[in-house]
Amino acid sequence: MNDINEQGLNVQLIKKNEENIEAIFKIDCDAFHENLLSNWSLVPFIRFGHVFGLIDRNSLKGFSIFIRAWDNPGLAYMVEIAVEGEYQGKGYGSYLLLWSLLHLKKNGISTVTLTVDPNNLRAQHIYCDKFGFEFVEYRKDEYGQGRDRLFLKLDLENWKQ
C-alpha cells in the first residue's frame, strides 16, 4: 500500500467544519444509497470520537468513524467507513482502515469491533481475510426489522498487520 501514500493521499483526524460535514454526508449517501449519518450523529462523533479522513489533494475522499466504549476504554467501535465511488476497489478503503487501526493501537485501543451486513461479502472479505477480524455473533434485527448484522472483533494487541 506504499504506492497509495506516494500518490499524495493521506489520512488524518477530521475537524468539525462545514466543508468536512458536507463531504462526509455526500460520501455516506453515495456509498450506502441513503444518509446513515445526520448532524445529530456526525457532529458528536467528530467532537467526542475519532473521525479519520482520506484526503486527496486537500479534498475528503473517504472517512472512518470510531467511538470508545464507556465501560472499557481499550475498546473502540467502528461506526462506519466509506470511500467515494471513484476511489472504491483500488485499495484506498483498506489504506484508510489500516491507518485508522494503527492510530488506534498507538493510542491505547486494544480491541476494535464493528458490524457488517451479512450480505456484504466484499466488506467481510476485507475485514476478516485482510485485517483479521473474527466473527463474534449474528445479530438479528440489530438496526430494525430485517437489518441483521454480523458482529466482528479485532484484537489489536496480537494483531499482525
Protein backbone atom coordinates (compact mmCIF):
# COMPACT_ATOMS: atom_id res chain seq x y z
CA MET A 1 0.00 0.00 0.00
CA ASN A 2 3.01 2.29 -0.07
CA ASP A 3 2.12 3.30 -3.63
CA ILE A 4 -1.15 4.77 -2.36
CA ASN A 5 0.61 7.04 0.09
CA GLU A 6 3.13 8.04 -2.58
CA GLN A 7 0.24 9.26 -4.75
CA GLY A 8 -0.33 12.12 -2.31
CA LEU A 9 -3.13 10.52 -0.31
CA ASN A 10 -3.02 10.85 3.43
CA VAL A 11 -5.20 10.05 6.40
CA GLN A 12 -5.80 12.50 9.20
CA LEU A 13 -8.21 13.20 12.01
CA ILE A 14 -11.13 15.31 10.79
CA LYS A 15 -12.06 18.58 12.43
CA LYS A 16 -15.61 19.95 12.55
CA ASN A 17 -16.24 22.39 9.74
CA GLU A 18 -18.99 22.82 7.19
CA GLU A 19 -16.87 21.56 4.27
CA ASN A 20 -15.94 18.28 6.05
CA ILE A 21 -19.50 17.65 7.19
CA GLU A 22 -20.93 18.20 3.70
CA ALA A 23 -18.28 15.95 2.15
CA ILE A 24 -18.97 13.17 4.68
CA PHE A 25 -22.72 13.35 4.02
CA LYS A 26 -22.13 13.11 0.26
CA ILE A 27 -19.77 10.11 0.59
CA ASP A 28 -22.15 8.47 3.08
CA CYS A 29 -25.12 8.78 0.71
CA ASP A 30 -23.12 7.66 -2.33
CA ALA A 31 -21.74 4.60 -0.53
CA PHE A 32 -24.96 3.44 1.14
CA HIS A 33 -27.63 4.99 -1.13
CA GLU A 34 -29.03 6.76 1.92
CA ASN A 35 -27.66 9.00 4.63
CA LEU A 36 -26.88 6.89 7.65
CA LEU A 37 -25.49 9.97 9.39
CA SER A 38 -27.06 13.30 10.34
CA ASN A 39 -25.82 16.44 12.06
CA TRP A 40 -27.18 14.93 15.27
CA SER A 41 -24.84 11.94 14.99
CA LEU A 42 -21.88 13.20 12.95
CA VAL A 43 -21.07 16.30 15.00
CA PRO A 44 -20.80 14.35 18.29
CA PHE A 45 -18.72 11.67 16.53
CA ILE A 46 -16.27 14.35 15.38
CA ARG A 47 -16.16 16.10 18.76
CA PHE A 48 -16.07 13.03 21.04
CA GLY A 49 -14.91 10.14 18.89
CA HIS A 50 -12.29 9.80 16.18
CA VAL A 51 -13.23 10.53 12.58
CA PHE A 52 -10.42 9.85 10.14
CA GLY A 53 -10.46 11.32 6.67
CA LEU A 54 -8.85 10.00 3.50
CA ILE A 55 -7.55 13.15 1.85
CA ASP A 56 -6.51 13.54 -1.79
CA ARG A 57 -5.33 16.95 -2.96
CA ASN A 58 -6.97 18.68 0.02
CA SER A 59 -10.31 17.00 -0.71
CA LEU A 60 -12.04 14.44 1.51
CA LYS A 61 -12.48 11.15 -0.39
CA GLY A 62 -13.34 8.78 2.44
CA PHE A 63 -13.83 8.58 6.18
CA SER A 64 -13.93 6.17 9.10
CA ILE A 65 -15.68 6.82 12.42
CA PHE A 66 -14.74 5.24 15.77
CA ILE A 67 -16.15 5.67 19.26
CA ARG A 68 -14.72 4.39 22.52
CA ALA A 69 -16.68 2.12 24.85
CA TRP A 70 -17.78 3.76 28.08
CA ASP A 71 -17.20 0.66 30.24
CA ASN A 72 -13.97 -0.42 28.51
CA PRO A 73 -11.66 2.41 27.38
CA GLY A 74 -9.50 -0.09 25.48
CA LEU A 75 -12.42 -0.96 23.19
CA ALA A 76 -13.36 1.07 20.13
CA TYR A 77 -16.37 0.50 17.88
CA MET A 78 -16.16 1.35 14.20
CA VAL A 79 -19.41 3.16 13.45
CA GLU A 80 -18.84 3.50 9.72
CA ILE A 81 -16.28 3.54 6.94
CA ALA A 82 -16.98 4.78 3.44
CA VAL A 83 -15.00 5.82 0.37
CA GLU A 84 -16.15 7.93 -2.57
CA GLY A 85 -17.27 5.84 -5.56
CA GLU A 86 -14.31 6.59 -7.84
CA TYR A 87 -11.92 5.56 -5.05
CA GLN A 88 -13.59 2.20 -4.37
CA GLY A 89 -11.99 -1.07 -5.46
CA LYS A 90 -8.47 0.41 -5.58
CA GLY A 91 -7.26 -0.29 -2.05
CA TYR A 92 -7.99 3.18 -0.68
CA GLY A 93 -10.56 1.94 1.84
CA SER A 94 -8.08 -0.68 3.08
CA TYR A 95 -5.43 2.02 3.38
CA LEU A 96 -7.84 4.19 5.38
CA LEU A 97 -8.74 1.29 7.66
CA LEU A 98 -5.11 0.27 8.14
CA TRP A 99 -4.06 3.80 9.06
CA SER A 100 -7.05 4.16 11.40
CA LEU A 101 -6.29 0.87 13.19
CA LEU A 102 -2.60 1.71 13.55
CA HIS A 103 -3.51 5.09 15.06
CA LEU A 104 -5.99 3.49 17.48
CA LYS A 105 -3.46 0.85 18.55
CA LYS A 106 -0.80 3.50 19.11
CA ASN A 107 -3.26 5.42 21.28
CA GLY A 108 -4.19 2.61 23.68
CA ILE A 109 -7.03 0.81 21.93
CA SER A 110 -6.64 -2.96 22.33
CA THR A 111 -9.85 -4.17 20.67
CA VAL A 112 -11.93 -2.90 17.75
CA THR A 113 -15.43 -4.12 16.99
CA LEU A 114 -17.83 -3.44 14.14
CA THR A 115 -20.95 -4.73 12.50
CA VAL A 116 -21.39 -5.58 8.84
CA ASP A 117 -24.33 -6.56 6.68
CA PRO A 118 -24.35 -10.38 6.31
CA ASN A 119 -24.85 -9.91 2.55
CA ASN A 120 -21.85 -7.61 2.14
CA LEU A 121 -19.31 -10.28 1.22
CA ARG A 122 -16.80 -7.74 -0.11
CA ALA A 123 -16.65 -5.93 3.25
CA GLN A 124 -16.48 -9.24 5.14
CA HIS A 125 -13.52 -10.28 2.97
CA ILE A 126 -11.69 -7.05 3.75
CA TYR A 127 -12.42 -7.13 7.49
CA CYS A 128 -11.83 -10.85 8.08
CA ASP A 129 -9.40 -12.02 5.42
CA LYS A 130 -7.26 -8.89 5.04
CA PHE A 131 -7.35 -7.48 8.56
CA GLY A 132 -8.06 -10.48 10.79
CA PHE A 133 -11.41 -9.51 12.31
CA GLU A 134 -13.18 -12.53 13.79
CA PHE A 135 -16.87 -13.37 13.81
CA VAL A 136 -18.40 -12.99 17.29
CA GLU A 137 -22.15 -13.30 16.75
CA TYR A 138 -25.08 -12.87 14.40
CA ARG A 139 -27.38 -10.02 15.49
CA LYS A 140 -30.87 -10.34 14.06
CA ASP A 141 -32.74 -7.06 13.53
CA GLU A 142 -29.80 -5.12 15.04
CA TYR A 143 -30.79 -1.91 13.23
CA GLY A 144 -34.50 -2.61 12.94
CA GLN A 145 -36.72 -5.17 11.24
CA GLY A 146 -34.76 -7.05 8.56
CA ARG A 147 -31.49 -5.22 9.24
CA ASP A 148 -29.38 -8.06 10.54
CA ARG A 149 -25.69 -7.63 11.24
CA LEU A 150 -22.59 -9.72 11.82
CA PHE A 151 -20.66 -8.55 14.89
CA LEU A 152 -16.88 -8.76 14.33
CA LYS A 153 -13.90 -8.18 16.63
CA LEU A 154 -10.19 -7.49 16.14
CA ASP A 155 -7.64 -7.98 18.92
CA LEU A 156 -5.16 -5.16 18.24
CA GLU A 157 -2.72 -6.34 20.92
CA ASN A 158 -1.95 -9.52 18.95
CA TRP A 159 -2.69 -8.09 15.50
CA LYS A 160 -0.22 -8.78 12.72
CA GLN A 161 -0.81 -6.16 10.03
